Amino acid sequence: MYRRIILSASARISLGLACLFIVETIARAAEFKLLCAVALQPAFEVLIPEFEKASGHKVTVAYGNAGAIADRFQKGEAADVMINAAPLMDQLRTQGKVVAGDRIIIAKVGVSAFVRKGAAKPDMSSTEAFKRTMLATKSIIYPDPAGGGASGIYMATLLERLGIAAEMKSKTKLSPSASVLYSSVANGDVEIGFNQISEVLAQPSVEFVGPLPAEIQNYTQFSPGIVTGSNQADAAKELITFFSSPAARTVLKAKGFE
């Protein structure tokens, strides 16, 4: 037996307003894709869920080395917003593939060394100490520059600049992936590894040594951009604004960014 429920005029109005609020909230929520440099992943694994909770939007994130994701985007991988090394983003703006506008830097990160858990930490206190450490070590490893990672590209040029590339050639391994990079050091196959600070701090299998000496440090700056033609530009703009907030900066700093 069904009973008919009769609502008062004020109740009908309240119910109508509640339904309207729910419809507007659902309509405002957006789903969009972020193509992002992998160095930011340790921080973004914390920040993206916070943004989704606060905004109601859903963000799908695809990570990769700086050069690799730029190449993937150039070859047609779809995205609504992209965050990558600033020079690569500048190129995309020049090409008109990312909306031109104010150039924002949301974070920067340097290169650091790491060793096996419990191993003695090498001296990286100065440029001369770094050179002595490199010449004395049995082996080093860093990301293969061919993969487009900023730290690998920089390490190759740094050894050349310091005049020790020839001496280091026989004891340098180029890693094709993050798993090989860290496992090679963790299991003792390689003595010292190098990668961006944020990525090293996120690896529990190895021991963080510290950043490169200030005079030979290299920072990668990360810049966001909304992809030209995206139909989720407003939501993407909210995400960029969120990454510049004080709360986001606190998380970024804790994860090794400046």
C-alpha atoms as a PDB file:
ATOM      1  CA  MET A   1       0.000   0.000   0.000  1.00  0.00           C
ATOM      2  CA  TYR A   2       1.432   3.309  -1.046  1.00  0.00           C
ATOM      3  CA  ARG A   3       1.047   6.504   0.934  1.00  0.00           C
ATOM      4  CA  ARG A   4       0.978   9.846  -0.748  1.00  0.00           C
ATOM      5  CA  ILE A   5       3.379  12.392   0.762  1.00  0.00           C
ATOM      6  CA  ILE A   6       2.288  16.003   0.475  1.00  0.00           C
ATOM      7  CA  LEU A   7       4.996  18.598   0.956  1.00  0.00           C
ATOM      8  CA  SER A   8       4.394  22.151   2.059  1.00  0.00           C
ATOM      9  CA  ALA A   9       5.304  24.980  -0.307  1.00  0.00           C
ATOM     10  CA  SER A  10       8.421  25.829   1.726  1.00  0.00           C
ATOM     11  CA  ALA A  11       9.531  22.178   1.767  1.00  0.00           C
ATOM     12  CA  ARG A  12       9.078  21.961  -2.029  1.00  0.00           C
ATOM     13  CA  ILE A  13      11.204  25.071  -2.449  1.00  0.00           C
ATOM     14  CA  SER A  14      13.920  23.707  -0.138  1.00  0.00           C
ATOM     15  CA  LEU A  15      13.950  20.378  -1.969  1.00  0.00           C
ATOM     16  CA  GLY A  16      14.111  22.142  -5.305  1.00  0.00           C
ATOM     17  CA  LEU A  17      17.036  24.269  -4.218  1.00  0.00           C
ATOM     18  CA  ALA A  18      18.893  21.215  -2.885  1.00  0.00           C
ATOM     19  CA  CYS A  19      18.395  19.370  -6.168  1.00  0.00           C
ATOM     20  CA  LEU A  20      19.537  22.436  -8.095  1.00  0.00           C
ATOM     21  CA  PHE A  21      22.700  22.639  -5.950  1.00  0.00           C
ATOM     22  CA  ILE A  22      23.468  18.952  -6.596  1.00  0.00           C
ATOM     23  CA  VAL A  23      22.925  19.354 -10.352  1.00  0.00           C
ATOM     24  CA  GLU A  24      25.124  22.451 -10.475  1.00  0.00           C
ATOM     25  CA  THR A  25      27.867  20.700  -8.469  1.00  0.00           C
ATOM     26  CA  ILE A  26      27.828  17.700 -10.804  1.00  0.00           C
ATOM     27  CA  ALA A  27      27.821  19.973 -13.853  1.00  0.00           C
ATOM     28  CA  ARG A  28      30.758  21.965 -12.515  1.00  0.00           C
ATOM     29  CA  ALA A  29      32.880  18.901 -11.761  1.00  0.00           C
ATOM     30  CA  ALA A  30      35.251  18.159 -14.615  1.00  0.00           C
ATOM     31  CA  GLU A  31      37.434  15.268 -15.656  1.00  0.00           C
ATOM     32  CA  PHE A  32      40.696  16.210 -17.308  1.00  0.00           C
ATOM     33  CA  LYS A  33      44.186  14.881 -18.024  1.00  0.00           C
ATOM     34  CA  LEU A  34      47.515  16.155 -16.771  1.00  0.00           C
ATOM     35  CA  LEU A  35      50.718  15.209 -18.573  1.00  0.00           C
ATOM     36  CA  CYS A  36      53.524  15.715 -16.064  1.00  0.00           C
ATOM     37  CA  ALA A  37      57.282  15.399 -15.519  1.00  0.00           C
ATOM     38  CA  VAL A  38      57.977  12.385 -13.295  1.00  0.00           C
ATOM     39  CA  ALA A  39      60.170  14.404 -10.902  1.00  0.00           C
ATOM     40  CA  LEU A  40      56.963  15.969  -9.560  1.00  0.00           C
ATOM     41  CA  GLN A  41      55.251  12.624  -8.898  1.00  0.00           C
ATOM     42  CA  PRO A  42      56.225  12.277  -5.202  1.00  0.00           C
ATOM     43  CA  ALA A  43      54.591  15.620  -4.410  1.00  0.00           C
ATOM     44  CA  PHE A  44      51.661  15.270  -6.784  1.00  0.00           C
ATOM     45  CA  GLU A  45      50.656  11.901  -5.319  1.00  0.00           C
ATOM     46  CA  VAL A  46      49.827  13.934  -2.210  1.00  0.00           C
ATOM     47  CA  LEU A  47      48.537  17.101  -3.873  1.00  0.00           C
ATOM     48  CA  ILE A  48      46.276  15.728  -6.624  1.00  0.00           C
ATOM     49  CA  PRO A  49      43.920  13.897  -4.205  1.00  0.00           C
ATOM     50  CA  GLU A  50      43.731  17.067  -2.093  1.00  0.00           C
ATOM     51  CA  PHE A  51      42.816  19.112  -5.167  1.00  0.00           C
ATOM     52  CA  GLU A  52      40.190  16.566  -6.227  1.00  0.00           C
ATOM     53  CA  LYS A  53      38.657  16.585  -2.746  1.00  0.00           C
ATOM     54  CA  ALA A  54      38.515  20.382  -2.609  1.00  0.00           C
ATOM     55  CA  SER A  55      37.331  21.010  -6.180  1.00  0.00           C
ATOM     56  CA  GLY A  56      35.211  17.984  -7.068  1.00  0.00           C
ATOM     57  CA  HIS A  57      37.214  17.560 -10.277  1.00  0.00           C
ATOM     58  CA  LYS A  58      38.836  14.300 -11.369  1.00  0.00           C
ATOM     59  CA  VAL A  59      42.420  14.424 -12.647  1.00  0.00           C
ATOM     60  CA  THR A  60      44.052  11.638 -14.651  1.00  0.00           C
ATOM     61  CA  VAL A  61      47.842  11.981 -14.519  1.00  0.00           C
ATOM     62  CA  ALA A  62      50.393  10.500 -16.920  1.00  0.00           C
ATOM     63  CA  TYR A  63      54.051  10.814 -15.893  1.00  0.00           C
ATOM     64  CA  GLY A  64      57.305  10.531 -17.819  1.00  0.00           C
ATOM     65  CA  ASN A  65      60.804  11.962 -18.142  1.00  0.00           C
ATOM     66  CA  ALA A  66      60.792  15.600 -19.228  1.00  0.00           C
ATOM     67  CA  GLY A  67      61.979  14.909 -22.762  1.00  0.00           C
ATOM     68  CA  ALA A  68      59.824  11.814 -23.117  1.00  0.00           C
ATOM     69  CA  ILE A  69      56.520  13.472 -22.217  1.00  0.00           C
ATOM     70  CA  ALA A  70      57.311  16.431 -24.477  1.00  0.00           C
ATOM     71  CA  ASP A  71      57.883  13.951 -27.307  1.00  0.00           C
ATOM     72  CA  ARG A  72      54.709  12.029 -26.494  1.00  0.00           C
ATOM     73  CA  PHE A  73      52.712  15.262 -26.563  1.00  0.00           C
ATOM     74  CA  GLN A  74      54.276  16.336 -29.857  1.00  0.00           C
ATOM     75  CA  LYS A  75      53.295  12.963 -31.328  1.00  0.00           C
ATOM     76  CA  GLY A  76      49.682  13.455 -30.364  1.00  0.00           C
ATOM     77  CA  GLU A  77      49.080  12.193 -26.835  1.00  0.00           C
ATOM     78  CA  ALA A  78      45.987  13.985 -25.589  1.00  0.00           C
ATOM     79  CA  ALA A  79      46.073  16.190 -22.497  1.00  0.00           C
ATOM     80  CA  ASP A  80      44.323  19.237 -21.077  1.00  0.00           C
ATOM     81  CA  VAL A  81      47.205  20.613 -19.034  1.00  0.00           C
ATOM     82  CA  MET A  82      50.918  19.922 -19.027  1.00  0.00           C
ATOM     83  CA  ILE A  83      53.643  20.560 -16.445  1.00  0.00           C
ATOM     84  CA  ASN A  84      57.199  20.095 -17.619  1.00  0.00           C
ATOM     85  CA  ALA A  85      60.677  21.608 -17.606  1.00  0.00           C
ATOM     86  CA  ALA A  86      60.323  25.339 -18.315  1.00  0.00           C
ATOM     87  CA  PRO A  87      62.409  25.432 -21.551  1.00  0.00           C
ATOM     88  CA  LEU A  88      60.291  22.642 -23.067  1.00  0.00           C
ATOM     89  CA  MET A  89      57.101  24.455 -22.095  1.00  0.00           C
ATOM     90  CA  ASP A  90      58.465  27.641 -23.672  1.00  0.00           C
ATOM     91  CA  GLN A  91      58.884  25.756 -26.951  1.00  0.00           C
ATOM     92  CA  LEU A  92      55.287  24.566 -26.833  1.00  0.00           C
ATOM     93  CA  ARG A  93      54.069  28.107 -26.192  1.00  0.00           C
ATOM     94  CA  THR A  94      56.084  29.366 -29.152  1.00  0.00           C
ATOM     95  CA  GLN A  95      54.546  26.635 -31.316  1.00  0.00           C
ATOM     96  CA  GLY A  96      51.064  27.597 -30.134  1.00  0.00           C
ATOM     97  CA  LYS A  97      50.401  24.151 -28.665  1.00  0.00           C
ATOM     98  CA  VAL A  98      50.102  25.553 -25.144  1.00  0.00           C
ATOM     99  CA  VAL A  99      48.140  28.715 -24.371  1.00  0.00           C
ATOM    100  CA  ALA A 100      50.406  31.752 -24.235  1.00  0.00           C
ATOM    101  CA  GLY A 101      50.312  33.766 -21.042  1.00  0.00           C
ATOM    102  CA  ASP A 102      52.246  34.544 -17.914  1.00  0.00           C
ATOM    103  CA  ARG A 103      55.162  32.136 -17.460  1.00  0.00           C
ATOM    104  CA  ILE A 104      54.678  30.534 -14.043  1.00  0.00           C
ATOM    105  CA  ILE A 105      57.306  28.483 -12.212  1.00  0.00           C
ATOM    106  CA  ILE A 106      55.616  26.270  -9.613  1.00  0.00           C
ATOM    107  CA  ALA A 107      58.769  24.539  -8.341  1.00  0.00           C
ATOM    108  CA  LYS A 108      62.409  23.768  -9.020  1.00  0.00           C
ATOM    109  CA  VAL A 109      64.560  20.800  -8.038  1.00  0.00           C
ATOM    110  CA  GLY A 110      68.268  20.023  -8.079  1.00  0.00           C
ATOM    111  CA  VAL A 111      70.330  16.874  -8.635  1.00  0.00           C
ATOM    112  CA  SER A 112      71.481  14.667  -5.768  1.00  0.00           C
ATOM    113  CA  ALA A 113      73.565  11.563  -5.079  1.00  0.00           C
ATOM    114  CA  PHE A 114      72.477   8.361  -3.367  1.00  0.00           C
ATOM    115  CA  VAL A 115      74.132   5.164  -2.124  1.00  0.00           C
ATOM    116  CA  ARG A 116      73.176   1.734  -0.788  1.00  0.00           C
ATOM    117  CA  LYS A 117      71.494   1.692   2.629  1.00  0.00           C
ATOM    118  CA  GLY A 118      74.145   1.736   5.342  1.00  0.00           C
ATOM    119  CA  ALA A 119      77.020   2.540   2.963  1.00  0.00           C
ATOM    120  CA  ALA A 120      79.479   5.336   3.748  1.00  0.00           C
ATOM    121  CA  LYS A 121      78.368   8.648   2.274  1.00  0.00           C
ATOM    122  CA  PRO A 122      80.832  10.065  -0.276  1.00  0.00           C
ATOM    123  CA  ASP A 123      82.211  13.587   0.096  1.00  0.00           C
ATOM    124  CA  MET A 124      80.214  16.054  -2.014  1.00  0.00           C
ATOM    125  CA  SER A 125      81.079  19.155  -0.010  1.00  0.00           C
ATOM    126  CA  SER A 126      82.752  21.048  -2.865  1.00  0.00           C
ATOM    127  CA  THR A 127      83.526  20.769  -6.551  1.00  0.00           C
ATOM    128  CA  GLU A 128      87.020  19.435  -5.841  1.00  0.00           C
ATOM    129  CA  ALA A 129      85.623  16.926  -3.335  1.00  0.00           C
ATOM    130  CA  PHE A 130      83.088  15.821  -5.928  1.00  0.00           C
ATOM    131  CA  LYS A 131      85.819  15.293  -8.536  1.00  0.00           C
ATOM    132  CA  ARG A 132      87.950  13.296  -6.088  1.00  0.00           C
ATOM    133  CA  THR A 133      84.940  11.170  -5.176  1.00  0.00           C
ATOM    134  CA  MET A 134      84.140  10.489  -8.823  1.00  0.00           C
ATOM    135  CA  LEU A 135      87.702   9.485  -9.669  1.00  0.00           C
ATOM    136  CA  ALA A 136      87.972   7.251  -6.594  1.00  0.00           C
ATOM    137  CA  THR A 137      84.637   5.464  -6.902  1.00  0.00           C
ATOM    138  CA  LYS A 138      84.321   2.094  -8.576  1.00  0.00           C
ATOM    139  CA  SER A 139      81.076   2.864 -10.418  1.00  0.00           C
ATOM    140  CA  ILE A 140      78.293   5.404 -10.875  1.00  0.00           C
ATOM    141  CA  ILE A 141      74.884   5.345 -12.507  1.00  0.00           C
ATOM    142  CA  TYR A 142      72.433   7.990 -13.697  1.00  0.00           C
ATOM    143  CA  PRO A 143      69.450   8.084 -16.089  1.00  0.00           C
ATOM    144  CA  ASP A 144      70.337   7.551 -19.737  1.00  0.00           C
ATOM    145  CA  PRO A 145      70.370  11.020 -21.349  1.00  0.00           C
ATOM    146  CA  ALA A 146      68.746   9.485 -24.430  1.00  0.00           C
ATOM    147  CA  GLY A 147      65.591   9.018 -22.351  1.00  0.00           C
ATOM    148  CA  GLY A 148      65.192  12.778 -21.997  1.00  0.00           C
ATOM    149  CA  GLY A 149      65.556  12.988 -18.212  1.00  0.00           C
ATOM    150  CA  ALA A 150      66.997  16.294 -17.014  1.00  0.00           C
ATOM    151  CA  SER A 151      69.329  14.786 -14.401  1.00  0.00           C
ATOM    152  CA  GLY A 152      70.890  12.315 -16.850  1.00  0.00           C
ATOM    153  CA  ILE A 153      71.488  14.991 -19.465  1.00  0.00           C
ATOM    154  CA  TYR A 154      73.065  17.263 -16.886  1.00  0.00           C
ATOM    155  CA  MET A 155      75.327  14.608 -15.340  1.00  0.00           C
ATOM    156  CA  ALA A 156      76.774  13.751 -18.745  1.00  0.00           C
ATOM    157  CA  THR A 157      77.574  17.393 -19.477  1.00  0.00           C
ATOM    158  CA  LEU A 158      78.926  17.957 -15.939  1.00  0.00           C
ATOM    159  CA  LEU A 159      81.527  15.196 -16.190  1.00  0.00           C
ATOM    160  CA  GLU A 160      82.620  16.643 -19.529  1.00  0.00           C
ATOM    161  CA  ARG A 161      82.821  20.151 -18.084  1.00  0.00           C
ATOM    162  CA  LEU A 162      84.918  18.989 -15.147  1.00  0.00           C
ATOM    163  CA  GLY A 163      87.333  17.247 -17.514  1.00  0.00           C
ATOM    164  CA  ILE A 164      86.831  13.750 -16.086  1.00  0.00           C
ATOM    165  CA  ALA A 165      84.483  12.204 -18.661  1.00  0.00           C
ATOM    166  CA  ALA A 166      87.237  10.024 -20.160  1.00  0.00           C
ATOM    167  CA  GLU A 167      88.266   8.630 -16.768  1.00  0.00           C
ATOM    168  CA  MET A 168      84.630   7.996 -15.837  1.00  0.00           C
ATOM    169  CA  LYS A 169      83.529   6.332 -19.073  1.00  0.00           C
ATOM    170  CA  SER A 170      84.442   2.749 -18.118  1.00  0.00           C
ATOM    171  CA  LYS A 171      82.745   2.960 -14.720  1.00  0.00           C
ATOM    172  CA  THR A 172      79.581   4.810 -15.717  1.00  0.00           C
ATOM    173  CA  LYS A 173      76.306   2.992 -16.272  1.00  0.00           C
ATOM    174  CA  LEU A 174      73.335   4.627 -17.979  1.00  0.00           C
ATOM    175  CA  SER A 175      70.020   3.497 -16.568  1.00  0.00           C
ATOM    176  CA  PRO A 176      67.089   2.839 -18.920  1.00  0.00           C
ATOM    177  CA  SER A 177      64.512   3.091 -16.113  1.00  0.00           C
ATOM    178  CA  ALA A 178      63.962   4.187 -12.523  1.00  0.00           C
ATOM    179  CA  SER A 179      63.727   0.600 -11.310  1.00  0.00           C
ATOM    180  CA  VAL A 180      67.152  -0.244 -12.733  1.00  0.00           C
ATOM    181  CA  LEU A 181      68.602   3.010 -11.438  1.00  0.00           C
ATOM    182  CA  TYR A 182      67.705   2.360  -7.799  1.00  0.00           C
ATOM    183  CA  SER A 183      68.021  -1.427  -7.709  1.00  0.00           C
ATOM    184  CA  SER A 184      71.557  -1.244  -9.135  1.00  0.00           C
ATOM    185  CA  VAL A 185      72.645   0.833  -6.150  1.00  0.00           C
ATOM    186  CA  ALA A 186      70.431  -0.893  -3.569  1.00  0.00           C
ATOM    187  CA  ASN A 187      71.888  -4.330  -4.343  1.00  0.00           C
ATOM    188  CA  GLY A 188      75.487  -3.074  -4.458  1.00  0.00           C
ATOM    189  CA  ASP A 189      76.122  -3.485  -8.185  1.00  0.00           C
ATOM    190  CA  VAL A 190      76.848   0.243  -8.483  1.00  0.00           C
ATOM    191  CA  GLU A 191      78.434   2.440  -5.804  1.00  0.00           C
ATOM    192  CA  ILE A 192      76.873   5.891  -6.370  1.00  0.00           C
ATOM    193  CA  GLY A 193      73.728   6.945  -8.187  1.00  0.00           C
ATOM    194  CA  PHE A 194      72.440  10.349  -9.289  1.00  0.00           C
ATOM    195  CA  ASN A 195      68.965  11.676  -9.926  1.00  0.00           C
ATOM    196  CA  GLN A 196      66.728  14.604  -9.054  1.00  0.00           C
ATOM    197  CA  ILE A 197      66.332  15.211  -5.323  1.00  0.00           C
ATOM    198  CA  SER A 198      62.563  14.691  -5.210  1.00  0.00           C
ATOM    199  CA  GLU A 199      62.815  11.270  -6.822  1.00  0.00           C
ATOM    200  CA  VAL A 200      65.683  10.106  -4.590  1.00  0.00           C
ATOM    201  CA  LEU A 201      63.906  11.179  -1.389  1.00  0.00           C
ATOM    202  CA  ALA A 202      60.902   9.095  -2.436  1.00  0.00           C
ATOM    203  CA  GLN A 203      62.988   5.898  -2.708  1.00  0.00           C
ATOM    204  CA  PRO A 204      63.129   3.926   0.558  1.00  0.00           C
ATOM    205  CA  SER A 205      65.529   1.351  -0.935  1.00  0.00           C
ATOM    206  CA  VAL A 206      68.517   3.731  -1.098  1.00  0.00           C
ATOM    207  CA  GLU A 207      70.192   6.339   1.105  1.00  0.00           C
ATOM    208  CA  PHE A 208      70.089  10.021   0.176  1.00  0.00           C
ATOM    209  CA  VAL A 209      73.609  11.533   0.243  1.00  0.00           C
ATOM    210  CA  GLY A 210      72.795  15.150  -0.527  1.00  0.00           C
ATOM    211  CA  PRO A 211      72.623  17.646  -3.380  1.00  0.00           C
ATOM    212  CA  LEU A 212      75.491  18.411  -5.711  1.00  0.00           C
ATOM    213  CA  PRO A 213      77.762  21.243  -4.503  1.00  0.00           C
ATOM    214  CA  ALA A 214      76.130  24.630  -5.037  1.00  0.00           C
ATOM    215  CA  GLU A 215      78.686  25.766  -7.608  1.00  0.00           C
ATOM    216  CA  ILE A 216      77.939  22.816  -9.906  1.00  0.00           C
ATOM    217  CA  GLN A 217      74.270  22.289  -9.038  1.00  0.00           C
ATOM    218  CA  ASN A 218      71.678  22.353 -11.783  1.00  0.00           C
ATOM    219  CA  TYR A 219      68.033  23.178 -11.131  1.00  0.00           C
ATOM    220  CA  THR A 220      65.152  22.085 -13.304  1.00  0.00           C
ATOM    221  CA  GLN A 221      62.292  24.571 -13.147  1.00  0.00           C
ATOM    222  CA  PHE A 222      58.781  23.296 -13.788  1.00  0.00           C
ATOM    223  CA  SER A 223      56.200  25.362 -15.589  1.00  0.00           C
ATOM    224  CA  PRO A 224      52.504  24.579 -16.227  1.00  0.00           C
ATOM    225  CA  GLY A 225      50.529  25.280 -19.372  1.00  0.00           C
ATOM    226  CA  ILE A 226      46.961  24.735 -20.558  1.00  0.00           C
ATOM    227  CA  VAL A 227      46.835  22.830 -23.838  1.00  0.00           C
ATOM    228  CA  THR A 228      45.451  24.893 -26.708  1.00  0.00           C
ATOM    229  CA  GLY A 229      41.909  23.839 -27.570  1.00  0.00           C
ATOM    230  CA  SER A 230      41.214  22.031 -24.292  1.00  0.00           C
ATOM    231  CA  ASN A 231      37.543  22.124 -23.316  1.00  0.00           C
ATOM    232  CA  GLN A 232      38.538  21.875 -19.651  1.00  0.00           C
ATOM    233  CA  ALA A 233      40.607  25.048 -19.512  1.00  0.00           C
ATOM    234  CA  ASP A 234      38.783  26.473 -16.490  1.00  0.00           C
ATOM    235  CA  ALA A 235      39.324  23.339 -14.395  1.00  0.00           C
ATOM    236  CA  ALA A 236      42.954  23.161 -15.537  1.00  0.00           C
ATOM    237  CA  LYS A 237      43.416  26.775 -14.440  1.00  0.00           C
ATOM    238  CA  GLU A 238      42.066  25.873 -10.996  1.00  0.00           C
ATOM    239  CA  LEU A 239      44.680  23.122 -10.739  1.00  0.00           C
ATOM    240  CA  ILE A 240      47.514  25.501 -11.647  1.00  0.00           C
ATOM    241  CA  THR A 241      46.290  28.016  -9.074  1.00  0.00           C
ATOM    242  CA  PHE A 242      46.144  25.251  -6.462  1.00  0.00           C
ATOM    243  CA  PHE A 243      49.782  24.285  -7.111  1.00  0.00           C
ATOM    244  CA  SER A 244      50.805  27.859  -6.340  1.00  0.00           C
ATOM    245  CA  SER A 245      48.983  27.936  -2.987  1.00  0.00           C
ATOM    246  CA  PRO A 246      50.838  28.077   0.358  1.00  0.00           C
ATOM    247  CA  ALA A 247      49.575  24.589   1.278  1.00  0.00           C
ATOM    248  CA  ALA A 248      50.911  23.124  -1.969  1.00  0.00           C
ATOM    249  CA  ARG A 249      54.244  24.869  -1.515  1.00  0.00           C
ATOM    250  CA  THR A 250      54.585  23.278   1.930  1.00  0.00           C
ATOM    251  CA  VAL A 251      54.164  19.816   0.417  1.00  0.00           C
ATOM    252  CA  LEU A 252      56.547  20.588  -2.445  1.00  0.00           C
ATOM    253  CA  LYS A 253      59.221  21.765  -0.029  1.00  0.00           C
ATOM    254  CA  ALA A 254      58.837  18.615   2.088  1.00  0.00           C
ATOM    255  CA  LYS A 255      59.355  16.525  -1.038  1.00  0.00           C
ATOM    256  CA  GLY A 256      62.662  18.191  -1.947  1.00  0.00           C
ATOM    257  CA  PHE A 257      61.584  21.100  -4.149  1.00  0.00           C
ATOM    258  CA  GLU A 258      62.510  24.759  -3.806  1.00  0.00           C
END
